[in-house]
Amino acid sequence: MRLYSGPADLRAMQSLTQRLDPRTSRWHIGELTWYRHQHLDRDRSLPTALWESGGEVLAWAWADPSGSLDLQLDPDRPELAEEVLAWFEEVAEGDARTVTVLDAETDLIATLRRHGYRERTGAPFFIHLRRDLDGLPEPRVPGGYTLRPVRGPGDAAARAAVHRAAFSRPDAPSRVTGAAYERMMGVWPYRAGLDWLVEAPGGMPAAFCLVWLDEHNREAVLEPVGTDPGHRRRGLASAAVLGALRAARDLGAETARVAARGDDDHPSARATYRSVGFRRSARNLVFVRP
């Protein structure tokens, strides 16, 4: 085991992700980049460790200051879950412990139960939705709106602004800034041609969809997708999704996945994904130990 030291280790973590079956894996290489680089300080602020053998990553994990753990294991090395949980105990803060897994990770779930973790019920959860990329419909936007890919770093400030508009709440403002977004645009596997915007009349961004492509597995993932509240219920997010997915298909993607809230608090996002052909395939489970 060794501690995370920088960008080269993120690529090492992504190498494990690419070796796994995307249908039974919770993570995609693009989600790792987005999660760690959406804020300027996030990649440096998360305690992170890698477990290796012969130069190959067999497991990785990071602990959020809130006491939650994210991890990925080579399914042929389930015994490493014990070491990951021991490391988590050493670095986590607070009294509670929370671990999120995919329902297909049955060996990991069994280990969590042996350590006193129990599945959390009645709380928000995420589901995974998938679709093949054959037969994607043509995207359409209302009159006056324009659908286009991001042109490069010059779009970073506007791209970050529409993200903040879509995701900020009074009690939880988004920390995505133009500087953070521009930095993230320089991290593999970001491609401007897979980052799509819908512009309102006058040129201000109104909706967006960022797709990440894993060329090895020919799998795309949507992360994130959103619409400025002042432009919702016009099909703009669906158009951005279709534009980005068609671009990913042209680059060799055969399937796509997206994670969405599965509870009743965010039905509109699920409706958007279902309207463009996504169907439920898996669910995240949250395990908690007091």
C-alpha atoms as a PDB file:
ATOM      1  CA  MET A   1       0.000   0.000   0.000  1.00  0.00           C
ATOM      2  CA  ARG A   2       1.181   3.532  -0.724  1.00  0.00           C
ATOM      3  CA  LEU A   3      -0.349   6.968  -0.532  1.00  0.00           C
ATOM      4  CA  TYR A   4      -1.516   8.935  -3.569  1.00  0.00           C
ATOM      5  CA  SER A   5       1.136  11.357  -4.837  1.00  0.00           C
ATOM      6  CA  GLY A   6      -0.330  13.138  -7.855  1.00  0.00           C
ATOM      7  CA  PRO A   7      -1.650  12.938 -11.442  1.00  0.00           C
ATOM      8  CA  ALA A   8       0.338   9.829 -12.398  1.00  0.00           C
ATOM      9  CA  ASP A   9      -1.438   7.956  -9.619  1.00  0.00           C
ATOM     10  CA  LEU A  10      -4.826   9.018 -10.928  1.00  0.00           C
ATOM     11  CA  ARG A  11      -3.908   7.350 -14.219  1.00  0.00           C
ATOM     12  CA  ALA A  12      -2.871   4.260 -12.259  1.00  0.00           C
ATOM     13  CA  MET A  13      -6.270   4.221 -10.527  1.00  0.00           C
ATOM     14  CA  GLN A  14      -7.963   4.579 -13.906  1.00  0.00           C
ATOM     15  CA  SER A  15      -5.965   1.627 -15.249  1.00  0.00           C
ATOM     16  CA  LEU A  16      -7.709  -0.606 -12.689  1.00  0.00           C
ATOM     17  CA  THR A  17     -11.079   0.843 -13.667  1.00  0.00           C
ATOM     18  CA  GLN A  18     -10.444   0.047 -17.331  1.00  0.00           C
ATOM     19  CA  ARG A  19      -9.579  -3.584 -16.562  1.00  0.00           C
ATOM     20  CA  LEU A  20     -12.962  -4.264 -14.936  1.00  0.00           C
ATOM     21  CA  ASP A  21     -16.268  -5.139 -16.559  1.00  0.00           C
ATOM     22  CA  PRO A  22     -18.118  -1.794 -16.861  1.00  0.00           C
ATOM     23  CA  ARG A  23     -21.451  -3.555 -16.277  1.00  0.00           C
ATOM     24  CA  THR A  24     -20.419  -4.570 -12.758  1.00  0.00           C
ATOM     25  CA  SER A  25     -18.134  -1.657 -11.870  1.00  0.00           C
ATOM     26  CA  ARG A  26     -19.296   1.445 -10.033  1.00  0.00           C
ATOM     27  CA  TRP A  27     -16.671   3.718 -11.586  1.00  0.00           C
ATOM     28  CA  HIS A  28     -15.697   5.000 -15.031  1.00  0.00           C
ATOM     29  CA  ILE A  29     -12.367   6.653 -15.859  1.00  0.00           C
ATOM     30  CA  GLY A  30     -14.142   9.924 -16.636  1.00  0.00           C
ATOM     31  CA  GLU A  31     -15.983   9.968 -13.315  1.00  0.00           C
ATOM     32  CA  LEU A  32     -12.656   9.685 -11.506  1.00  0.00           C
ATOM     33  CA  THR A  33     -11.300  12.722 -13.346  1.00  0.00           C
ATOM     34  CA  TRP A  34     -14.461  14.744 -12.781  1.00  0.00           C
ATOM     35  CA  TYR A  35     -14.802  13.845  -9.127  1.00  0.00           C
ATOM     36  CA  ARG A  36     -11.204  14.735  -8.294  1.00  0.00           C
ATOM     37  CA  HIS A  37     -10.817  17.858 -10.467  1.00  0.00           C
ATOM     38  CA  GLN A  38     -14.166  19.656 -10.423  1.00  0.00           C
ATOM     39  CA  HIS A  39     -12.789  21.846  -7.585  1.00  0.00           C
ATOM     40  CA  LEU A  40      -9.286  23.276  -7.603  1.00  0.00           C
ATOM     41  CA  ASP A  41      -8.333  21.758  -4.248  1.00  0.00           C
ATOM     42  CA  ARG A  42     -10.179  18.462  -4.312  1.00  0.00           C
ATOM     43  CA  ASP A  43      -7.503  16.194  -5.771  1.00  0.00           C
ATOM     44  CA  ARG A  44      -5.097  17.281  -3.029  1.00  0.00           C
ATOM     45  CA  SER A  45      -7.565  17.270  -0.124  1.00  0.00           C
ATOM     46  CA  LEU A  46      -8.836  13.669  -0.233  1.00  0.00           C
ATOM     47  CA  PRO A  47      -6.711  11.125   1.677  1.00  0.00           C
ATOM     48  CA  THR A  48      -6.116   8.449  -0.976  1.00  0.00           C
ATOM     49  CA  ALA A  49      -4.242   5.141  -1.062  1.00  0.00           C
ATOM     50  CA  LEU A  50      -3.357   2.569  -3.725  1.00  0.00           C
ATOM     51  CA  TRP A  51      -2.629  -1.143  -3.299  1.00  0.00           C
ATOM     52  CA  GLU A  52      -0.284  -2.560  -5.934  1.00  0.00           C
ATOM     53  CA  SER A  53       1.486  -5.755  -6.928  1.00  0.00           C
ATOM     54  CA  GLY A  54       4.130  -5.924  -9.636  1.00  0.00           C
ATOM     55  CA  GLY A  55       3.383  -2.328 -10.634  1.00  0.00           C
ATOM     56  CA  GLU A  56      -0.319  -3.077 -11.210  1.00  0.00           C
ATOM     57  CA  VAL A  57      -3.004  -1.371  -9.110  1.00  0.00           C
ATOM     58  CA  LEU A  58      -5.269  -3.937  -7.445  1.00  0.00           C
ATOM     59  CA  ALA A  59      -7.282  -1.547  -5.272  1.00  0.00           C
ATOM     60  CA  TRP A  60      -7.634   2.129  -4.492  1.00  0.00           C
ATOM     61  CA  ALA A  61      -9.614   4.111  -1.943  1.00  0.00           C
ATOM     62  CA  TRP A  62     -10.175   7.646  -0.737  1.00  0.00           C
ATOM     63  CA  ALA A  63     -11.764   8.904   2.461  1.00  0.00           C
ATOM     64  CA  ASP A  64     -13.921  12.011   2.516  1.00  0.00           C
ATOM     65  CA  PRO A  65     -13.607  14.199   5.636  1.00  0.00           C
ATOM     66  CA  SER A  66     -17.248  13.432   6.401  1.00  0.00           C
ATOM     67  CA  GLY A  67     -16.304   9.839   7.216  1.00  0.00           C
ATOM     68  CA  SER A  68     -17.317   8.262   3.895  1.00  0.00           C
ATOM     69  CA  LEU A  69     -15.250   5.867   1.803  1.00  0.00           C
ATOM     70  CA  ASP A  70     -15.049   5.397  -1.961  1.00  0.00           C
ATOM     71  CA  LEU A  71     -13.085   2.467  -3.320  1.00  0.00           C
ATOM     72  CA  GLN A  72     -12.524   0.043  -6.153  1.00  0.00           C
ATOM     73  CA  LEU A  73     -11.163  -3.505  -5.930  1.00  0.00           C
ATOM     74  CA  ASP A  74      -9.941  -6.046  -8.432  1.00  0.00           C
ATOM     75  CA  PRO A  75     -12.657  -8.729  -8.036  1.00  0.00           C
ATOM     76  CA  ASP A  76      -9.942 -11.405  -8.120  1.00  0.00           C
ATOM     77  CA  ARG A  77      -8.452  -9.922  -4.942  1.00  0.00           C
ATOM     78  CA  PRO A  78     -11.451  -9.600  -2.576  1.00  0.00           C
ATOM     79  CA  GLU A  79      -9.204 -10.044   0.477  1.00  0.00           C
ATOM     80  CA  LEU A  80      -7.877  -6.506  -0.071  1.00  0.00           C
ATOM     81  CA  ALA A  81     -11.183  -5.169   1.229  1.00  0.00           C
ATOM     82  CA  GLU A  82      -9.955  -5.976   4.732  1.00  0.00           C
ATOM     83  CA  GLU A  83      -6.851  -3.836   4.238  1.00  0.00           C
ATOM     84  CA  VAL A  84      -8.839  -0.988   2.722  1.00  0.00           C
ATOM     85  CA  LEU A  85     -11.248  -0.912   5.670  1.00  0.00           C
ATOM     86  CA  ALA A  86      -8.343  -0.968   8.131  1.00  0.00           C
ATOM     87  CA  TRP A  87      -6.788   2.034   6.350  1.00  0.00           C
ATOM     88  CA  PHE A  88     -10.167   3.793   6.390  1.00  0.00           C
ATOM     89  CA  GLU A  89     -10.338   3.414  10.168  1.00  0.00           C
ATOM     90  CA  GLU A  90      -6.948   5.087  10.492  1.00  0.00           C
ATOM     91  CA  VAL A  91      -7.687   8.159   8.360  1.00  0.00           C
ATOM     92  CA  ALA A  92     -11.440   8.779   8.711  1.00  0.00           C
ATOM     93  CA  GLU A  93     -12.737  11.554  10.950  1.00  0.00           C
ATOM     94  CA  GLY A  94     -15.828  11.594  13.155  1.00  0.00           C
ATOM     95  CA  ASP A  95     -17.690   8.663  14.640  1.00  0.00           C
ATOM     96  CA  ALA A  96     -19.818   7.300  11.788  1.00  0.00           C
ATOM     97  CA  ARG A  97     -18.479   5.345   8.812  1.00  0.00           C
ATOM     98  CA  THR A  98     -20.181   5.202   5.401  1.00  0.00           C
ATOM     99  CA  VAL A  99     -19.213   3.109   2.363  1.00  0.00           C
ATOM    100  CA  THR A 100     -20.937   3.218  -1.041  1.00  0.00           C
ATOM    101  CA  VAL A 101     -20.798   0.151  -3.324  1.00  0.00           C
ATOM    102  CA  LEU A 102     -22.580  -1.233  -6.381  1.00  0.00           C
ATOM    103  CA  ASP A 103     -25.135  -3.973  -5.767  1.00  0.00           C
ATOM    104  CA  ALA A 104     -23.025  -6.295  -7.996  1.00  0.00           C
ATOM    105  CA  GLU A 105     -20.028  -6.117  -5.617  1.00  0.00           C
ATOM    106  CA  THR A 106     -21.218  -9.062  -3.548  1.00  0.00           C
ATOM    107  CA  ASP A 107     -17.836 -10.048  -2.037  1.00  0.00           C
ATOM    108  CA  LEU A 108     -17.245  -6.495  -0.841  1.00  0.00           C
ATOM    109  CA  ILE A 109     -20.762  -6.336   0.604  1.00  0.00           C
ATOM    110  CA  ALA A 110     -20.122  -9.545   2.556  1.00  0.00           C
ATOM    111  CA  THR A 111     -16.918  -8.055   3.995  1.00  0.00           C
ATOM    112  CA  LEU A 112     -18.722  -4.885   5.040  1.00  0.00           C
ATOM    113  CA  ARG A 113     -21.352  -6.931   6.862  1.00  0.00           C
ATOM    114  CA  ARG A 114     -18.639  -8.868   8.730  1.00  0.00           C
ATOM    115  CA  HIS A 115     -17.248  -5.537   9.926  1.00  0.00           C
ATOM    116  CA  GLY A 116     -20.563  -4.394  11.357  1.00  0.00           C
ATOM    117  CA  TYR A 117     -21.810  -2.304   8.424  1.00  0.00           C
ATOM    118  CA  ARG A 118     -25.517  -2.386   7.627  1.00  0.00           C
ATOM    119  CA  GLU A 119     -27.320  -1.216   4.515  1.00  0.00           C
ATOM    120  CA  ARG A 120     -28.905   2.204   4.878  1.00  0.00           C
ATOM    121  CA  THR A 121     -32.563   2.238   3.875  1.00  0.00           C
ATOM    122  CA  GLY A 122     -35.073   5.025   3.356  1.00  0.00           C
ATOM    123  CA  ALA A 123     -32.411   7.564   2.305  1.00  0.00           C
ATOM    124  CA  PRO A 124     -31.460   9.028  -1.096  1.00  0.00           C
ATOM    125  CA  PHE A 125     -29.727   6.582  -3.436  1.00  0.00           C
ATOM    126  CA  PHE A 126     -28.403   6.434  -6.996  1.00  0.00           C
ATOM    127  CA  ILE A 127     -29.227   4.050  -9.808  1.00  0.00           C
ATOM    128  CA  HIS A 128     -27.208   3.265 -12.939  1.00  0.00           C
ATOM    129  CA  LEU A 129     -28.959   3.507 -16.311  1.00  0.00           C
ATOM    130  CA  ARG A 130     -27.510   2.188 -19.574  1.00  0.00           C
ATOM    131  CA  ARG A 131     -28.244   2.129 -23.291  1.00  0.00           C
ATOM    132  CA  ASP A 132     -26.633   0.925 -26.499  1.00  0.00           C
ATOM    133  CA  LEU A 133     -25.680   3.730 -28.842  1.00  0.00           C
ATOM    134  CA  ASP A 134     -27.341   2.295 -31.936  1.00  0.00           C
ATOM    135  CA  GLY A 135     -30.299   4.267 -33.209  1.00  0.00           C
ATOM    136  CA  LEU A 136     -29.649   7.544 -31.400  1.00  0.00           C
ATOM    137  CA  PRO A 137     -32.253  10.121 -32.499  1.00  0.00           C
ATOM    138  CA  GLU A 138     -31.289  13.487 -33.913  1.00  0.00           C
ATOM    139  CA  PRO A 139     -31.108  16.173 -31.185  1.00  0.00           C
ATOM    140  CA  ARG A 140     -33.539  19.063 -31.487  1.00  0.00           C
ATOM    141  CA  VAL A 141     -33.690  22.403 -29.673  1.00  0.00           C
ATOM    142  CA  PRO A 142     -36.435  25.062 -29.661  1.00  0.00           C
ATOM    143  CA  GLY A 143     -36.219  28.040 -31.987  1.00  0.00           C
ATOM    144  CA  GLY A 144     -33.564  30.546 -30.977  1.00  0.00           C
ATOM    145  CA  TYR A 145     -31.465  27.996 -29.065  1.00  0.00           C
ATOM    146  CA  THR A 146     -28.184  26.602 -30.411  1.00  0.00           C
ATOM    147  CA  LEU A 147     -26.588  23.224 -29.714  1.00  0.00           C
ATOM    148  CA  ARG A 148     -22.804  22.966 -30.035  1.00  0.00           C
ATOM    149  CA  PRO A 149     -19.697  21.335 -28.511  1.00  0.00           C
ATOM    150  CA  VAL A 150     -17.353  23.302 -26.288  1.00  0.00           C
ATOM    151  CA  ARG A 151     -14.647  24.955 -28.372  1.00  0.00           C
ATOM    152  CA  GLY A 152     -11.859  24.858 -25.791  1.00  0.00           C
ATOM    153  CA  PRO A 153     -10.549  26.695 -22.712  1.00  0.00           C
ATOM    154  CA  GLY A 154     -12.166  29.921 -23.899  1.00  0.00           C
ATOM    155  CA  ASP A 155     -15.527  28.392 -22.978  1.00  0.00           C
ATOM    156  CA  ALA A 156     -14.439  27.365 -19.464  1.00  0.00           C
ATOM    157  CA  ALA A 157     -15.895  30.360 -17.590  1.00  0.00           C
ATOM    158  CA  ALA A 158     -19.287  30.129 -19.292  1.00  0.00           C
ATOM    159  CA  ARG A 159     -19.311  26.352 -18.909  1.00  0.00           C
ATOM    160  CA  ALA A 160     -18.649  26.659 -15.173  1.00  0.00           C
ATOM    161  CA  ALA A 161     -21.288  29.392 -14.805  1.00  0.00           C
ATOM    162  CA  VAL A 162     -24.094  27.265 -16.255  1.00  0.00           C
ATOM    163  CA  HIS A 163     -22.970  24.363 -14.064  1.00  0.00           C
ATOM    164  CA  ARG A 164     -23.300  26.559 -10.973  1.00  0.00           C
ATOM    165  CA  ALA A 165     -26.714  27.742 -12.111  1.00  0.00           C
ATOM    166  CA  ALA A 166     -27.904  24.163 -12.545  1.00  0.00           C
ATOM    167  CA  PHE A 167     -26.555  22.673  -9.316  1.00  0.00           C
ATOM    168  CA  SER A 168     -26.250  25.427  -6.692  1.00  0.00           C
ATOM    169  CA  ARG A 169     -28.707  25.492  -3.799  1.00  0.00           C
ATOM    170  CA  PRO A 170     -29.053  28.273  -1.188  1.00  0.00           C
ATOM    171  CA  ASP A 171     -27.551  25.978   1.448  1.00  0.00           C
ATOM    172  CA  ALA A 172     -24.946  24.408  -0.861  1.00  0.00           C
ATOM    173  CA  PRO A 173     -23.503  26.654  -3.581  1.00  0.00           C
ATOM    174  CA  SER A 174     -21.485  24.917  -6.274  1.00  0.00           C
ATOM    175  CA  ARG A 175     -17.717  25.390  -6.013  1.00  0.00           C
ATOM    176  CA  VAL A 176     -17.075  24.813  -9.733  1.00  0.00           C
ATOM    177  CA  THR A 177     -15.245  27.870 -11.081  1.00  0.00           C
ATOM    178  CA  GLY A 178     -13.914  28.846 -14.473  1.00  0.00           C
ATOM    179  CA  ALA A 179     -10.337  28.286 -13.288  1.00  0.00           C
ATOM    180  CA  ALA A 180     -11.173  24.812 -11.943  1.00  0.00           C
ATOM    181  CA  TYR A 181     -13.017  23.882 -15.120  1.00  0.00           C
ATOM    182  CA  GLU A 182     -10.175  25.043 -17.347  1.00  0.00           C
ATOM    183  CA  ARG A 183      -7.719  22.986 -15.302  1.00  0.00           C
ATOM    184  CA  MET A 184      -9.976  19.937 -15.502  1.00  0.00           C
ATOM    185  CA  MET A 185     -10.131  20.342 -19.300  1.00  0.00           C
ATOM    186  CA  GLY A 186      -6.413  19.563 -19.406  1.00  0.00           C
ATOM    187  CA  VAL A 187      -6.747  16.246 -17.548  1.00  0.00           C
ATOM    188  CA  TRP A 188      -7.099  12.931 -19.399  1.00  0.00           C
ATOM    189  CA  PRO A 189      -9.553  11.735 -20.761  1.00  0.00           C
ATOM    190  CA  TYR A 190     -11.393  15.067 -21.188  1.00  0.00           C
ATOM    191  CA  ARG A 191     -12.290  15.988 -24.795  1.00  0.00           C
ATOM    192  CA  ALA A 192     -13.922  19.280 -25.714  1.00  0.00           C
ATOM    193  CA  GLY A 193     -15.742  17.506 -28.556  1.00  0.00           C
ATOM    194  CA  LEU A 194     -17.674  15.460 -25.982  1.00  0.00           C
ATOM    195  CA  ASP A 195     -18.624  18.481 -23.835  1.00  0.00           C
ATOM    196  CA  TRP A 196     -21.844  19.928 -25.244  1.00  0.00           C
ATOM    197  CA  LEU A 197     -23.733  23.167 -24.606  1.00  0.00           C
ATOM    198  CA  VAL A 198     -27.142  24.528 -25.473  1.00  0.00           C
ATOM    199  CA  GLU A 199     -27.018  28.305 -25.815  1.00  0.00           C
ATOM    200  CA  ALA A 200     -30.069  30.488 -25.247  1.00  0.00           C
ATOM    201  CA  PRO A 201     -30.982  33.348 -27.582  1.00  0.00           C
ATOM    202  CA  GLY A 202     -28.239  35.902 -27.019  1.00  0.00           C
ATOM    203  CA  GLY A 203     -25.539  33.272 -26.567  1.00  0.00           C
ATOM    204  CA  MET A 204     -25.693  32.509 -22.831  1.00  0.00           C
ATOM    205  CA  PRO A 205     -25.314  28.783 -21.972  1.00  0.00           C
ATOM    206  CA  ALA A 206     -28.589  27.247 -20.792  1.00  0.00           C
ATOM    207  CA  ALA A 207     -27.886  23.480 -20.579  1.00  0.00           C
ATOM    208  CA  PHE A 208     -24.968  21.094 -20.871  1.00  0.00           C
ATOM    209  CA  CYS A 209     -23.822  17.490 -21.007  1.00  0.00           C
ATOM    210  CA  LEU A 210     -20.263  16.280 -20.501  1.00  0.00           C
ATOM    211  CA  VAL A 211     -19.521  12.777 -21.806  1.00  0.00           C
ATOM    212  CA  TRP A 212     -16.335  10.847 -21.039  1.00  0.00           C
ATOM    213  CA  LEU A 213     -15.123   8.043 -23.301  1.00  0.00           C
ATOM    214  CA  ASP A 214     -13.304   4.891 -22.240  1.00  0.00           C
ATOM    215  CA  GLU A 215     -11.895   3.765 -25.578  1.00  0.00           C
ATOM    216  CA  HIS A 216     -10.690   0.429 -24.166  1.00  0.00           C
ATOM    217  CA  ASN A 217     -14.208  -0.641 -23.101  1.00  0.00           C
ATOM    218  CA  ARG A 218     -15.996   1.439 -25.770  1.00  0.00           C
ATOM    219  CA  GLU A 219     -18.141   2.855 -22.981  1.00  0.00           C
ATOM    220  CA  ALA A 220     -19.248   6.462 -22.483  1.00  0.00           C
ATOM    221  CA  VAL A 221     -20.479   7.960 -19.238  1.00  0.00           C
ATOM    222  CA  LEU A 222     -22.490  11.144 -18.683  1.00  0.00           C
ATOM    223  CA  GLU A 223     -21.102  13.299 -15.853  1.00  0.00           C
ATOM    224  CA  PRO A 224     -22.469  15.906 -15.332  1.00  0.00           C
ATOM    225  CA  VAL A 225     -25.725  16.932 -17.073  1.00  0.00           C
ATOM    226  CA  GLY A 226     -27.781  19.981 -16.125  1.00  0.00           C
ATOM    227  CA  THR A 227     -29.994  22.911 -17.109  1.00  0.00           C
ATOM    228  CA  ASP A 228     -30.204  26.471 -15.818  1.00  0.00           C
ATOM    229  CA  PRO A 229     -33.510  26.658 -13.859  1.00  0.00           C
ATOM    230  CA  GLY A 230     -34.664  29.519 -16.067  1.00  0.00           C
ATOM    231  CA  HIS A 231     -34.600  27.277 -19.141  1.00  0.00           C
ATOM    232  CA  ARG A 232     -35.985  23.975 -17.879  1.00  0.00           C
ATOM    233  CA  ARG A 233     -38.814  21.879 -19.361  1.00  0.00           C
ATOM    234  CA  ARG A 234     -37.825  22.679 -22.948  1.00  0.00           C
ATOM    235  CA  GLY A 235     -35.912  19.497 -23.761  1.00  0.00           C
ATOM    236  CA  LEU A 236     -32.542  21.238 -23.656  1.00  0.00           C
ATOM    237  CA  ALA A 237     -30.754  18.655 -21.495  1.00  0.00           C
ATOM    238  CA  SER A 238     -32.029  15.844 -23.725  1.00  0.00           C
ATOM    239  CA  ALA A 239     -30.641  17.646 -26.769  1.00  0.00           C
ATOM    240  CA  ALA A 240     -27.249  18.145 -25.095  1.00  0.00           C
ATOM    241  CA  VAL A 241     -27.156  14.457 -24.098  1.00  0.00           C
ATOM    242  CA  LEU A 242     -27.943  13.305 -27.620  1.00  0.00           C
ATOM    243  CA  GLY A 243     -25.404  15.645 -29.184  1.00  0.00           C
ATOM    244  CA  ALA A 244     -22.643  14.433 -26.869  1.00  0.00           C
ATOM    245  CA  LEU A 245     -23.581  10.750 -27.224  1.00  0.00           C
ATOM    246  CA  ARG A 246     -23.605  10.945 -31.017  1.00  0.00           C
ATOM    247  CA  ALA A 247     -20.117  12.473 -30.870  1.00  0.00           C
ATOM    248  CA  ALA A 248     -18.971   9.656 -28.547  1.00  0.00           C
ATOM    249  CA  ARG A 249     -20.455   7.052 -30.889  1.00  0.00           C
ATOM    250  CA  ASP A 250     -18.512   8.587 -33.781  1.00  0.00           C
ATOM    251  CA  LEU A 251     -15.347   8.052 -31.714  1.00  0.00           C
ATOM    252  CA  GLY A 252     -16.111   4.361 -31.179  1.00  0.00           C
ATOM    253  CA  ALA A 253     -18.378   4.200 -28.117  1.00  0.00           C
ATOM    254  CA  GLU A 254     -20.884   1.351 -28.207  1.00  0.00           C
ATOM    255  CA  THR A 255     -22.661   1.794 -24.848  1.00  0.00           C
ATOM    256  CA  ALA A 256     -23.314   4.603 -22.402  1.00  0.00           C
ATOM    257  CA  ARG A 257     -24.130   4.845 -18.702  1.00  0.00           C
ATOM    258  CA  VAL A 258     -25.360   7.528 -16.350  1.00  0.00           C
ATOM    259  CA  ALA A 259     -25.986   7.616 -12.594  1.00  0.00           C
ATOM    260  CA  ALA A 260     -29.146   9.332 -11.380  1.00  0.00           C
ATOM    261  CA  ARG A 261     -30.968   9.742  -8.111  1.00  0.00           C
ATOM    262  CA  GLY A 262     -33.312   6.791  -7.736  1.00  0.00           C
ATOM    263  CA  ASP A 263     -35.579   8.209  -5.017  1.00  0.00           C
ATOM    264  CA  ASP A 264     -38.551  10.520  -5.530  1.00  0.00           C
ATOM    265  CA  ASP A 265     -36.685  13.819  -5.015  1.00  0.00           C
ATOM    266  CA  HIS A 266     -35.334  14.129  -8.582  1.00  0.00           C
ATOM    267  CA  PRO A 267     -37.789  12.533 -11.013  1.00  0.00           C
ATOM    268  CA  SER A 268     -37.074  15.011 -13.821  1.00  0.00           C
ATOM    269  CA  ALA A 269     -33.487  13.784 -14.309  1.00  0.00           C
ATOM    270  CA  ARG A 270     -34.617  10.170 -14.618  1.00  0.00           C
ATOM    271  CA  ALA A 271     -37.335  11.242 -17.029  1.00  0.00           C
ATOM    272  CA  THR A 272     -34.747  13.009 -19.196  1.00  0.00           C
ATOM    273  CA  TYR A 273     -32.534   9.929 -19.403  1.00  0.00           C
ATOM    274  CA  ARG A 274     -35.434   7.589 -20.085  1.00  0.00           C
ATOM    275  CA  SER A 275     -36.667   9.891 -22.842  1.00  0.00           C
ATOM    276  CA  VAL A 276     -33.407   9.257 -24.731  1.00  0.00           C
ATOM    277  CA  GLY A 277     -33.407   5.497 -24.212  1.00  0.00           C
ATOM    278  CA  PHE A 278     -31.617   4.834 -20.898  1.00  0.00           C
ATOM    279  CA  ARG A 279     -32.925   1.975 -18.743  1.00  0.00           C
ATOM    280  CA  ARG A 280     -32.065   0.924 -15.201  1.00  0.00           C
ATOM    281  CA  SER A 281     -29.235  -1.610 -14.859  1.00  0.00           C
ATOM    282  CA  ALA A 282     -27.846  -1.419 -11.309  1.00  0.00           C
ATOM    283  CA  ARG A 283     -28.062   0.418  -8.004  1.00  0.00           C
ATOM    284  CA  ASN A 284     -25.627   1.945  -5.533  1.00  0.00           C
ATOM    285  CA  LEU A 285     -25.961   0.673  -1.970  1.00  0.00           C
ATOM    286  CA  VAL A 286     -24.853   2.673   1.065  1.00  0.00           C
ATOM    287  CA  PHE A 287     -23.570   0.839   4.107  1.00  0.00           C
ATOM    288  CA  VAL A 288     -23.235   2.557   7.474  1.00  0.00           C
ATOM    289  CA  ARG A 289     -21.551   1.602  10.711  1.00  0.00           C
ATOM    290  CA  PRO A 290     -22.134   3.787  13.796  1.00  0.00           C
END
